[in-house]
Amino acid sequence: MRDRALRFLTLACAAMLPVQWAAAACLDDTRVAALVAGYPHTPISGLPADLSLDDAYCSQQKYVALLRRTMGEPVGYKVGFTGKPTQERFGIPAPATGLLFEPMFIEDGGRVARDFGYRPAIEPDLMVVVKDAGIMTASTELEVAEHLSSVHAFIELPAIQFAVEEKITGPGLVAVNIVATRMVQGPGAPVEATPAFVQAMADLQTVFSDETGTVIQKAPASTLLGNPLRVVLWLVDEFKRRGKTLRAGDRLSLGAVGRLFPLGQDGRTYIYTLDGLPGGAISTSVRVE
């Protein structure tokens, strides 16, 4: 009886193993290599609909390891899904991160072809630069400000890349580095470690327009967790949890201020302005042709 019971238990455990393995949906190396080979022009389809966030980050790690071969070492990080509506839309419970590489950047006021990728879009954003690794000890917005060197108007131009008929999920986006593609960083304004500056960041107003003066969007920077500095604070806590460290010079993209806009067919210069900093307004621009 004892032998039969042991045999039954062994068979039962063995039967469970394939189910556990199937639940681990980190994309395999071949699939990730195909995704990177098609970046950013080939439509993406067929990613697992039930990809977990852990599996998405596992896949992203493979994805960016291949990007490193042609783009070099990362120069910073991208934080996405910083608003509740975006989290709910893409089925993700919290912000998420991707990596930025130098070849993704276009010079301020530069030009980019509209067909830089599949389903091109444009997004007004906000960037800060880390002053030193002491930021990892920050626990308040003011302490975050002590360890940042500058804040920048920042425009991201992602190629959404998922096939039109494909359902886009948060984990799917995370797996492909939150579709980081092209971007432009404007001149920086110095960050001041004062309560007044922290409040100014919460009160920042942004204007996204074109060369004709047509306003495409006005939006408060408070859409970024109430204050953009809170996004940095979230990133610090998240990286502590993962055993990662921010370093001097890291560029941090803090998320969309307002909406993501599909690019039209016509050539256009986009201008993005941050208004409300102590030293006055700062801007960046890019020409899409």
C-alpha atoms as a PDB file:
ATOM      1  CA  MET A   1       0.000   0.000   0.000  1.00  0.00           C
ATOM      2  CA  ARG A   2       2.832   2.384   0.927  1.00  0.00           C
ATOM      3  CA  ASP A   3       4.588   1.740  -2.445  1.00  0.00           C
ATOM      4  CA  ARG A   4       1.364   2.328  -4.342  1.00  0.00           C
ATOM      5  CA  ALA A   5       0.786   5.594  -2.464  1.00  0.00           C
ATOM      6  CA  LEU A   6       4.311   6.791  -3.212  1.00  0.00           C
ATOM      7  CA  ARG A   7       3.940   5.851  -6.881  1.00  0.00           C
ATOM      8  CA  PHE A   8       0.648   7.755  -7.068  1.00  0.00           C
ATOM      9  CA  LEU A   9       2.224  10.820  -5.440  1.00  0.00           C
ATOM     10  CA  THR A  10       5.190  10.700  -7.842  1.00  0.00           C
ATOM     11  CA  LEU A  11       2.912  10.468 -10.874  1.00  0.00           C
ATOM     12  CA  ALA A  12       0.728  13.277  -9.550  1.00  0.00           C
ATOM     13  CA  CYS A  13       3.726  15.544  -9.057  1.00  0.00           C
ATOM     14  CA  ALA A  14       5.049  14.697 -12.513  1.00  0.00           C
ATOM     15  CA  ALA A  15       1.678  15.507 -14.022  1.00  0.00           C
ATOM     16  CA  MET A  16       1.776  18.930 -12.404  1.00  0.00           C
ATOM     17  CA  LEU A  17       5.177  19.875 -13.836  1.00  0.00           C
ATOM     18  CA  PRO A  18       4.098  20.629 -17.422  1.00  0.00           C
ATOM     19  CA  VAL A  19       1.374  22.970 -16.119  1.00  0.00           C
ATOM     20  CA  GLN A  20       3.893  24.882 -14.027  1.00  0.00           C
ATOM     21  CA  TRP A  21       6.281  25.117 -16.999  1.00  0.00           C
ATOM     22  CA  ALA A  22       3.514  26.332 -19.306  1.00  0.00           C
ATOM     23  CA  ALA A  23       2.720  29.127 -16.845  1.00  0.00           C
ATOM     24  CA  ALA A  24       6.266  30.505 -17.243  1.00  0.00           C
ATOM     25  CA  ALA A  25       5.769  32.473 -20.446  1.00  0.00           C
ATOM     26  CA  CYS A  26       9.044  34.372 -20.747  1.00  0.00           C
ATOM     27  CA  LEU A  27       9.511  34.662 -24.504  1.00  0.00           C
ATOM     28  CA  ASP A  28      12.110  32.249 -25.817  1.00  0.00           C
ATOM     29  CA  ASP A  29      15.390  33.414 -27.336  1.00  0.00           C
ATOM     30  CA  THR A  30      14.283  32.740 -30.915  1.00  0.00           C
ATOM     31  CA  ARG A  31      11.111  34.792 -30.531  1.00  0.00           C
ATOM     32  CA  VAL A  32      12.970  37.688 -28.918  1.00  0.00           C
ATOM     33  CA  ALA A  33      15.652  37.620 -31.626  1.00  0.00           C
ATOM     34  CA  ALA A  34      12.917  37.874 -34.268  1.00  0.00           C
ATOM     35  CA  LEU A  35      11.351  40.833 -32.460  1.00  0.00           C
ATOM     36  CA  VAL A  36      14.660  42.685 -32.306  1.00  0.00           C
ATOM     37  CA  ALA A  37      15.424  41.872 -35.953  1.00  0.00           C
ATOM     38  CA  GLY A  38      12.083  43.449 -36.898  1.00  0.00           C
ATOM     39  CA  TYR A  39      12.524  46.545 -34.707  1.00  0.00           C
ATOM     40  CA  PRO A  40      11.024  49.067 -35.352  1.00  0.00           C
ATOM     41  CA  HIS A  41       9.416  48.392 -38.768  1.00  0.00           C
ATOM     42  CA  THR A  42       7.902  44.891 -38.622  1.00  0.00           C
ATOM     43  CA  PRO A  43       4.384  44.572 -37.144  1.00  0.00           C
ATOM     44  CA  ILE A  44       4.281  42.544 -33.934  1.00  0.00           C
ATOM     45  CA  SER A  45       1.625  39.875 -33.530  1.00  0.00           C
ATOM     46  CA  GLY A  46       1.093  36.678 -31.611  1.00  0.00           C
ATOM     47  CA  LEU A  47       2.499  37.630 -28.212  1.00  0.00           C
ATOM     48  CA  PRO A  48       0.863  35.640 -25.390  1.00  0.00           C
ATOM     49  CA  ALA A  49      -2.286  37.418 -24.233  1.00  0.00           C
ATOM     50  CA  ASP A  50      -1.708  36.204 -20.678  1.00  0.00           C
ATOM     51  CA  LEU A  51       1.925  37.324 -20.425  1.00  0.00           C
ATOM     52  CA  SER A  52       2.595  38.230 -16.799  1.00  0.00           C
ATOM     53  CA  LEU A  53       4.573  41.312 -15.813  1.00  0.00           C
ATOM     54  CA  ASP A  54       7.407  39.146 -14.468  1.00  0.00           C
ATOM     55  CA  ASP A  55       7.564  37.268 -17.760  1.00  0.00           C
ATOM     56  CA  ALA A  56       7.443  40.576 -19.624  1.00  0.00           C
ATOM     57  CA  TYR A  57      10.495  41.853 -17.748  1.00  0.00           C
ATOM     58  CA  CYS A  58      12.247  38.537 -18.356  1.00  0.00           C
ATOM     59  CA  SER A  59      11.550  38.996 -22.077  1.00  0.00           C
ATOM     60  CA  GLN A  60      12.640  42.641 -21.961  1.00  0.00           C
ATOM     61  CA  GLN A  61      15.965  41.624 -20.436  1.00  0.00           C
ATOM     62  CA  LYS A  62      16.636  39.405 -23.454  1.00  0.00           C
ATOM     63  CA  TYR A  63      15.353  42.091 -25.828  1.00  0.00           C
ATOM     64  CA  VAL A  64      17.617  44.884 -24.561  1.00  0.00           C
ATOM     65  CA  ALA A  65      20.587  42.507 -24.366  1.00  0.00           C
ATOM     66  CA  LEU A  66      20.302  42.173 -28.149  1.00  0.00           C
ATOM     67  CA  LEU A  67      19.771  45.928 -28.613  1.00  0.00           C
ATOM     68  CA  ARG A  68      23.041  46.515 -26.748  1.00  0.00           C
ATOM     69  CA  ARG A  69      24.931  44.794 -29.559  1.00  0.00           C
ATOM     70  CA  THR A  70      24.164  47.634 -31.954  1.00  0.00           C
ATOM     71  CA  MET A  71      23.237  50.514 -29.638  1.00  0.00           C
ATOM     72  CA  GLY A  72      25.831  50.198 -26.896  1.00  0.00           C
ATOM     73  CA  GLU A  73      25.158  50.570 -23.196  1.00  0.00           C
ATOM     74  CA  PRO A  74      21.919  52.190 -21.973  1.00  0.00           C
ATOM     75  CA  VAL A  75      22.013  55.901 -21.140  1.00  0.00           C
ATOM     76  CA  GLY A  76      18.889  55.966 -19.024  1.00  0.00           C
ATOM     77  CA  TYR A  77      15.436  54.630 -18.296  1.00  0.00           C
ATOM     78  CA  LYS A  78      11.898  55.141 -19.452  1.00  0.00           C
ATOM     79  CA  VAL A  79       8.950  55.020 -17.051  1.00  0.00           C
ATOM     80  CA  GLY A  80       5.594  54.256 -18.595  1.00  0.00           C
ATOM     81  CA  PHE A  81       2.009  53.831 -17.385  1.00  0.00           C
ATOM     82  CA  THR A  82       2.301  56.645 -14.832  1.00  0.00           C
ATOM     83  CA  GLY A  83      -1.421  57.423 -14.833  1.00  0.00           C
ATOM     84  CA  LYS A  84      -4.357  55.310 -13.654  1.00  0.00           C
ATOM     85  CA  PRO A  85      -6.291  55.625 -16.956  1.00  0.00           C
ATOM     86  CA  THR A  86      -3.280  54.280 -18.879  1.00  0.00           C
ATOM     87  CA  GLN A  87      -2.786  51.462 -16.379  1.00  0.00           C
ATOM     88  CA  GLU A  88      -6.435  50.466 -16.674  1.00  0.00           C
ATOM     89  CA  ARG A  89      -6.380  50.714 -20.474  1.00  0.00           C
ATOM     90  CA  PHE A  90      -3.425  48.352 -20.801  1.00  0.00           C
ATOM     91  CA  GLY A  91      -4.178  46.068 -17.860  1.00  0.00           C
ATOM     92  CA  ILE A  92      -1.112  46.841 -15.797  1.00  0.00           C
ATOM     93  CA  PRO A  93      -1.267  47.563 -12.033  1.00  0.00           C
ATOM     94  CA  ALA A  94       1.575  50.087 -11.703  1.00  0.00           C
ATOM     95  CA  PRO A  95       4.168  52.034 -13.703  1.00  0.00           C
ATOM     96  CA  ALA A  96       6.769  50.018 -15.609  1.00  0.00           C
ATOM     97  CA  THR A  97      10.264  50.615 -16.959  1.00  0.00           C
ATOM     98  CA  GLY A  98      12.275  50.306 -20.147  1.00  0.00           C
ATOM     99  CA  LEU A  99      15.785  51.344 -21.209  1.00  0.00           C
ATOM    100  CA  LEU A 100      17.016  54.245 -23.342  1.00  0.00           C
ATOM    101  CA  PHE A 101      19.978  54.100 -25.745  1.00  0.00           C
ATOM    102  CA  GLU A 102      21.968  56.963 -27.275  1.00  0.00           C
ATOM    103  CA  PRO A 103      21.155  56.092 -30.942  1.00  0.00           C
ATOM    104  CA  MET A 104      17.467  56.624 -30.147  1.00  0.00           C
ATOM    105  CA  PHE A 105      18.073  60.350 -29.551  1.00  0.00           C
ATOM    106  CA  ILE A 106      17.644  63.046 -32.199  1.00  0.00           C
ATOM    107  CA  GLU A 107      19.323  66.408 -31.662  1.00  0.00           C
ATOM    108  CA  ASP A 108      17.139  69.213 -30.343  1.00  0.00           C
ATOM    109  CA  GLY A 109      15.429  70.861 -33.327  1.00  0.00           C
ATOM    110  CA  GLY A 110      16.437  67.968 -35.563  1.00  0.00           C
ATOM    111  CA  ARG A 111      14.557  66.052 -38.243  1.00  0.00           C
ATOM    112  CA  VAL A 112      13.144  62.560 -38.451  1.00  0.00           C
ATOM    113  CA  ALA A 113      11.409  60.715 -41.286  1.00  0.00           C
ATOM    114  CA  ARG A 114       7.772  59.946 -40.586  1.00  0.00           C
ATOM    115  CA  ASP A 115       8.332  56.296 -41.526  1.00  0.00           C
ATOM    116  CA  PHE A 116      10.916  55.732 -38.778  1.00  0.00           C
ATOM    117  CA  GLY A 117       8.852  52.747 -37.654  1.00  0.00           C
ATOM    118  CA  TYR A 118       5.523  50.934 -37.910  1.00  0.00           C
ATOM    119  CA  ARG A 119       2.578  52.957 -36.527  1.00  0.00           C
ATOM    120  CA  PRO A 120       4.629  56.061 -35.667  1.00  0.00           C
ATOM    121  CA  ALA A 121       3.378  58.321 -32.903  1.00  0.00           C
ATOM    122  CA  ILE A 122       4.468  61.359 -30.924  1.00  0.00           C
ATOM    123  CA  GLU A 123       4.178  62.019 -27.211  1.00  0.00           C
ATOM    124  CA  PRO A 124       4.995  65.096 -25.092  1.00  0.00           C
ATOM    125  CA  ASP A 125       7.007  63.894 -22.124  1.00  0.00           C
ATOM    126  CA  LEU A 126       9.342  65.123 -19.410  1.00  0.00           C
ATOM    127  CA  MET A 127      12.934  64.181 -18.625  1.00  0.00           C
ATOM    128  CA  VAL A 128      15.254  64.641 -15.660  1.00  0.00           C
ATOM    129  CA  VAL A 129      18.950  63.790 -15.329  1.00  0.00           C
ATOM    130  CA  VAL A 130      20.439  62.122 -12.246  1.00  0.00           C
ATOM    131  CA  LYS A 131      23.194  64.084 -10.481  1.00  0.00           C
ATOM    132  CA  ASP A 132      24.575  61.276  -8.327  1.00  0.00           C
ATOM    133  CA  ALA A 133      23.849  57.810  -6.977  1.00  0.00           C
ATOM    134  CA  GLY A 134      22.795  59.319  -3.655  1.00  0.00           C
ATOM    135  CA  ILE A 135      19.348  59.506  -5.203  1.00  0.00           C
ATOM    136  CA  MET A 136      18.904  55.894  -4.118  1.00  0.00           C
ATOM    137  CA  THR A 137      18.552  57.132  -0.508  1.00  0.00           C
ATOM    138  CA  ALA A 138      15.752  59.581  -1.353  1.00  0.00           C
ATOM    139  CA  SER A 139      12.386  59.091   0.319  1.00  0.00           C
ATOM    140  CA  THR A 140      10.692  62.433  -0.450  1.00  0.00           C
ATOM    141  CA  GLU A 141      10.304  64.655  -3.495  1.00  0.00           C
ATOM    142  CA  LEU A 142      12.667  67.213  -1.929  1.00  0.00           C
ATOM    143  CA  GLU A 143      15.337  64.548  -1.401  1.00  0.00           C
ATOM    144  CA  VAL A 144      14.883  63.460  -5.020  1.00  0.00           C
ATOM    145  CA  ALA A 145      15.499  67.055  -6.132  1.00  0.00           C
ATOM    146  CA  GLU A 146      18.790  67.112  -4.193  1.00  0.00           C
ATOM    147  CA  HIS A 147      20.126  64.371  -6.456  1.00  0.00           C
ATOM    148  CA  LEU A 148      18.915  65.602  -9.861  1.00  0.00           C
ATOM    149  CA  SER A 149      20.934  67.973 -12.029  1.00  0.00           C
ATOM    150  CA  SER A 150      18.443  69.139 -14.674  1.00  0.00           C
ATOM    151  CA  VAL A 151      14.919  68.940 -16.062  1.00  0.00           C
ATOM    152  CA  HIS A 152      14.159  68.927 -19.803  1.00  0.00           C
ATOM    153  CA  ALA A 153      11.277  69.272 -22.215  1.00  0.00           C
ATOM    154  CA  PHE A 154      11.283  65.889 -23.930  1.00  0.00           C
ATOM    155  CA  ILE A 155       9.419  64.510 -26.930  1.00  0.00           C
ATOM    156  CA  GLU A 156       9.164  60.788 -27.510  1.00  0.00           C
ATOM    157  CA  LEU A 157       8.462  59.339 -30.952  1.00  0.00           C
ATOM    158  CA  PRO A 158       7.558  55.683 -30.432  1.00  0.00           C
ATOM    159  CA  ALA A 159       6.784  53.199 -33.178  1.00  0.00           C
ATOM    160  CA  ILE A 160       3.838  51.410 -31.586  1.00  0.00           C
ATOM    161  CA  GLN A 161       4.749  48.429 -33.815  1.00  0.00           C
ATOM    162  CA  PHE A 162       1.925  46.104 -32.758  1.00  0.00           C
ATOM    163  CA  ALA A 163      -0.207  44.958 -35.683  1.00  0.00           C
ATOM    164  CA  VAL A 164      -3.441  46.930 -36.002  1.00  0.00           C
ATOM    165  CA  GLU A 165      -5.592  43.881 -35.241  1.00  0.00           C
ATOM    166  CA  GLU A 166      -3.435  42.888 -32.256  1.00  0.00           C
ATOM    167  CA  LYS A 167      -4.645  43.616 -28.718  1.00  0.00           C
ATOM    168  CA  ILE A 168      -1.982  45.701 -26.992  1.00  0.00           C
ATOM    169  CA  THR A 169      -1.397  44.862 -23.329  1.00  0.00           C
ATOM    170  CA  GLY A 170       0.841  46.457 -20.730  1.00  0.00           C
ATOM    171  CA  PRO A 171       3.010  43.349 -20.315  1.00  0.00           C
ATOM    172  CA  GLY A 172       3.302  43.056 -24.105  1.00  0.00           C
ATOM    173  CA  LEU A 173       4.609  46.618 -24.283  1.00  0.00           C
ATOM    174  CA  VAL A 174       7.025  45.979 -21.413  1.00  0.00           C
ATOM    175  CA  ALA A 175       8.399  42.912 -23.208  1.00  0.00           C
ATOM    176  CA  VAL A 176       9.469  45.087 -26.159  1.00  0.00           C
ATOM    177  CA  ASN A 177      11.012  47.846 -24.029  1.00  0.00           C
ATOM    178  CA  ILE A 178       7.803  49.926 -23.973  1.00  0.00           C
ATOM    179  CA  VAL A 179       8.392  50.557 -27.698  1.00  0.00           C
ATOM    180  CA  ALA A 180      11.164  53.104 -27.083  1.00  0.00           C
ATOM    181  CA  THR A 181      12.197  54.185 -30.592  1.00  0.00           C
ATOM    182  CA  ARG A 182      13.154  57.829 -31.266  1.00  0.00           C
ATOM    183  CA  MET A 183      13.177  60.885 -28.991  1.00  0.00           C
ATOM    184  CA  VAL A 184      14.421  64.433 -28.617  1.00  0.00           C
ATOM    185  CA  GLN A 185      15.709  66.104 -25.457  1.00  0.00           C
ATOM    186  CA  GLY A 186      15.680  69.884 -25.132  1.00  0.00           C
ATOM    187  CA  PRO A 187      18.117  72.090 -23.189  1.00  0.00           C
ATOM    188  CA  GLY A 188      18.008  71.578 -19.444  1.00  0.00           C
ATOM    189  CA  ALA A 189      16.979  73.848 -16.600  1.00  0.00           C
ATOM    190  CA  PRO A 190      18.802  73.353 -13.291  1.00  0.00           C
ATOM    191  CA  VAL A 191      16.965  71.482 -10.558  1.00  0.00           C
ATOM    192  CA  GLU A 192      16.835  73.325  -7.236  1.00  0.00           C
ATOM    193  CA  ALA A 193      16.588  71.387  -3.979  1.00  0.00           C
ATOM    194  CA  THR A 194      13.991  73.697  -2.448  1.00  0.00           C
ATOM    195  CA  PRO A 195      10.342  73.299  -1.454  1.00  0.00           C
ATOM    196  CA  ALA A 196       9.480  76.047  -3.951  1.00  0.00           C
ATOM    197  CA  PHE A 197      11.037  74.086  -6.819  1.00  0.00           C
ATOM    198  CA  VAL A 198       9.250  70.892  -5.770  1.00  0.00           C
ATOM    199  CA  GLN A 199       5.968  72.801  -5.869  1.00  0.00           C
ATOM    200  CA  ALA A 200       6.889  74.357  -9.217  1.00  0.00           C
ATOM    201  CA  MET A 201       7.304  70.862 -10.667  1.00  0.00           C
ATOM    202  CA  ALA A 202       3.818  69.931  -9.448  1.00  0.00           C
ATOM    203  CA  ASP A 203       2.398  73.134 -10.943  1.00  0.00           C
ATOM    204  CA  LEU A 204       4.190  72.917 -14.317  1.00  0.00           C
ATOM    205  CA  GLN A 205       2.024  73.579 -17.342  1.00  0.00           C
ATOM    206  CA  THR A 206       2.911  72.219 -20.769  1.00  0.00           C
ATOM    207  CA  VAL A 207       2.019  73.338 -24.278  1.00  0.00           C
ATOM    208  CA  PHE A 208       2.376  71.073 -27.310  1.00  0.00           C
ATOM    209  CA  SER A 209       2.037  72.966 -30.597  1.00  0.00           C
ATOM    210  CA  ASP A 210       3.255  73.158 -34.190  1.00  0.00           C
ATOM    211  CA  GLU A 211       5.163  75.730 -36.234  1.00  0.00           C
ATOM    212  CA  THR A 212       1.952  77.540 -37.208  1.00  0.00           C
ATOM    213  CA  GLY A 213       1.116  78.238 -33.581  1.00  0.00           C
ATOM    214  CA  THR A 214      -1.691  75.686 -33.539  1.00  0.00           C
ATOM    215  CA  VAL A 215      -1.983  74.272 -30.033  1.00  0.00           C
ATOM    216  CA  ILE A 216      -2.281  70.494 -30.136  1.00  0.00           C
ATOM    217  CA  GLN A 217      -2.526  70.027 -26.386  1.00  0.00           C
ATOM    218  CA  LYS A 218      -2.227  71.858 -23.092  1.00  0.00           C
ATOM    219  CA  ALA A 219      -1.702  69.623 -20.074  1.00  0.00           C
ATOM    220  CA  PRO A 220      -0.414  69.884 -16.498  1.00  0.00           C
ATOM    221  CA  ALA A 221       2.692  67.919 -15.532  1.00  0.00           C
ATOM    222  CA  SER A 222       0.730  66.794 -12.479  1.00  0.00           C
ATOM    223  CA  THR A 223      -0.646  64.021 -14.711  1.00  0.00           C
ATOM    224  CA  LEU A 224       2.617  62.281 -13.743  1.00  0.00           C
ATOM    225  CA  LEU A 225       1.565  60.872 -10.347  1.00  0.00           C
ATOM    226  CA  GLY A 226       0.625  64.352  -9.125  1.00  0.00           C
ATOM    227  CA  ASN A 227       4.217  65.586  -9.390  1.00  0.00           C
ATOM    228  CA  PRO A 228       6.907  64.385 -11.845  1.00  0.00           C
ATOM    229  CA  LEU A 229       9.317  63.995  -8.922  1.00  0.00           C
ATOM    230  CA  ARG A 230       7.048  61.275  -7.537  1.00  0.00           C
ATOM    231  CA  VAL A 231       7.736  59.241 -10.661  1.00  0.00           C
ATOM    232  CA  VAL A 232      11.442  59.394  -9.813  1.00  0.00           C
ATOM    233  CA  LEU A 233      10.626  58.394  -6.239  1.00  0.00           C
ATOM    234  CA  TRP A 234       8.639  55.417  -7.546  1.00  0.00           C
ATOM    235  CA  LEU A 235      11.599  54.448  -9.751  1.00  0.00           C
ATOM    236  CA  VAL A 236      14.008  54.632  -6.800  1.00  0.00           C
ATOM    237  CA  ASP A 237      11.778  52.338  -4.740  1.00  0.00           C
ATOM    238  CA  GLU A 238      11.278  49.971  -7.676  1.00  0.00           C
ATOM    239  CA  PHE A 239      15.001  49.741  -8.365  1.00  0.00           C
ATOM    240  CA  LYS A 240      15.729  49.062  -4.701  1.00  0.00           C
ATOM    241  CA  ARG A 241      13.272  46.172  -4.911  1.00  0.00           C
ATOM    242  CA  ARG A 242      15.065  44.853  -8.008  1.00  0.00           C
ATOM    243  CA  GLY A 243      18.570  45.423  -6.639  1.00  0.00           C
ATOM    244  CA  LYS A 244      19.383  48.061  -9.284  1.00  0.00           C
ATOM    245  CA  THR A 245      21.007  51.488  -8.869  1.00  0.00           C
ATOM    246  CA  LEU A 246      20.599  54.814 -10.626  1.00  0.00           C
ATOM    247  CA  ARG A 247      23.879  56.519 -11.496  1.00  0.00           C
ATOM    248  CA  ALA A 248      25.144  59.998 -12.294  1.00  0.00           C
ATOM    249  CA  GLY A 249      24.130  61.045 -15.798  1.00  0.00           C
ATOM    250  CA  ASP A 250      21.214  58.625 -16.144  1.00  0.00           C
ATOM    251  CA  ARG A 251      18.437  60.188 -18.223  1.00  0.00           C
ATOM    252  CA  LEU A 252      14.976  59.467 -16.881  1.00  0.00           C
ATOM    253  CA  SER A 253      11.928  59.751 -19.123  1.00  0.00           C
ATOM    254  CA  LEU A 254       9.018  60.214 -16.726  1.00  0.00           C
ATOM    255  CA  GLY A 255       6.057  59.410 -18.952  1.00  0.00           C
ATOM    256  CA  ALA A 256       3.482  61.013 -21.209  1.00  0.00           C
ATOM    257  CA  VAL A 257       2.146  64.395 -20.170  1.00  0.00           C
ATOM    258  CA  GLY A 258      -1.325  64.108 -21.634  1.00  0.00           C
ATOM    259  CA  ARG A 259      -1.953  62.048 -24.760  1.00  0.00           C
ATOM    260  CA  LEU A 260      -0.087  59.986 -27.307  1.00  0.00           C
ATOM    261  CA  PHE A 261      -0.763  61.246 -30.856  1.00  0.00           C
ATOM    262  CA  PRO A 262      -0.499  59.242 -34.105  1.00  0.00           C
ATOM    263  CA  LEU A 263       1.649  61.017 -36.688  1.00  0.00           C
ATOM    264  CA  GLY A 264      -0.170  62.368 -39.724  1.00  0.00           C
ATOM    265  CA  GLN A 265       1.109  62.187 -43.292  1.00  0.00           C
ATOM    266  CA  ASP A 266       1.984  65.873 -43.575  1.00  0.00           C
ATOM    267  CA  GLY A 267       5.362  67.314 -42.669  1.00  0.00           C
ATOM    268  CA  ARG A 268       5.226  69.244 -39.427  1.00  0.00           C
ATOM    269  CA  THR A 269       7.440  70.805 -36.779  1.00  0.00           C
ATOM    270  CA  TYR A 270       6.367  69.966 -33.243  1.00  0.00           C
ATOM    271  CA  ILE A 271       7.235  72.319 -30.383  1.00  0.00           C
ATOM    272  CA  TYR A 272       6.897  71.381 -26.731  1.00  0.00           C
ATOM    273  CA  THR A 273       7.210  73.882 -23.886  1.00  0.00           C
ATOM    274  CA  LEU A 274       7.372  73.526 -20.102  1.00  0.00           C
ATOM    275  CA  ASP A 275       6.133  76.667 -18.355  1.00  0.00           C
ATOM    276  CA  GLY A 276       6.460  77.444 -14.660  1.00  0.00           C
ATOM    277  CA  LEU A 277      10.077  76.692 -13.746  1.00  0.00           C
ATOM    278  CA  PRO A 278      11.915  79.339 -11.679  1.00  0.00           C
ATOM    279  CA  GLY A 279      14.242  80.253 -14.559  1.00  0.00           C
ATOM    280  CA  GLY A 280      11.468  80.572 -17.123  1.00  0.00           C
ATOM    281  CA  ALA A 281       9.987  78.370 -19.849  1.00  0.00           C
ATOM    282  CA  ILE A 282      12.055  75.728 -21.649  1.00  0.00           C
ATOM    283  CA  SER A 283      11.265  74.039 -24.962  1.00  0.00           C
ATOM    284  CA  THR A 284      12.291  71.431 -27.476  1.00  0.00           C
ATOM    285  CA  SER A 285      11.240  70.789 -31.063  1.00  0.00           C
ATOM    286  CA  VAL A 286      11.477  68.210 -33.813  1.00  0.00           C
ATOM    287  CA  ARG A 287      10.654  68.255 -37.526  1.00  0.00           C
ATOM    288  CA  VAL A 288       8.791  65.194 -38.838  1.00  0.00           C
ATOM    289  CA  GLU A 289       9.045  64.841 -42.637  1.00  0.00           C
END
